[in-house]
Amino acid sequence: MGAPKKGRTAVLVAVVAVVISVGGVAGVALNVARNDSATPQQDPVAAAADPVASAEEQIESAIREFYGIVGNEAFSTAMTQACARDRDWFAQLSAEKQNEFDAMALPVTIDRIDDIEVTGTSASAVVTVQLAPGQGSETDSATEYLIQENGQWRLCSPEGSLR
């Protein structure tokens, strides 16, 4: 597999940035189902709260937890787990735009999370997903960015990408 594709809808924050960059908030929320046939993973909530877990484990757990919330609840609920900058951006959207995000779904299954790189309180990971699993889906990869706030890793769009 080559380098991650840019500008494609593969992970939630990338979806937000892409939707906004192509002409406004069309409203997309991912319906993420965990790939249970993959290697068993540590419980995301437990790993995220575990101070002994490595940064890489905490980052992977934060990504899986965020998308698990989206798959079972709503985009607005998942945003409570995003970084402060992204939470503030979402809070400033009109109720109508927030509802559009909550109403739309794009089925995604996380196949794997690779290349986790940690630099202080910033991190990135390459997330490979299946878009529309079971419906002639395609596999795609994108880089997800995280920052550590109050000791907790949170997904965060790149600076300046949310307008």
Foldseek 3Di string as FASTA:
>chain_A
DDDFDPQDPAADLSVLLNCPVVPHQQAEFEQEDEDPVDDDADQLVCLQPDPVRDPVNLQVSLRVVLNNCSNVDFNLVSLVQADPVSPVLLVPDDPVSRVSNRPHYKYKYWPDWADWDDDPFKIKIKTWIWTPPPPPTDIGIDIWIWGADPNGIHTDHPPPSRD
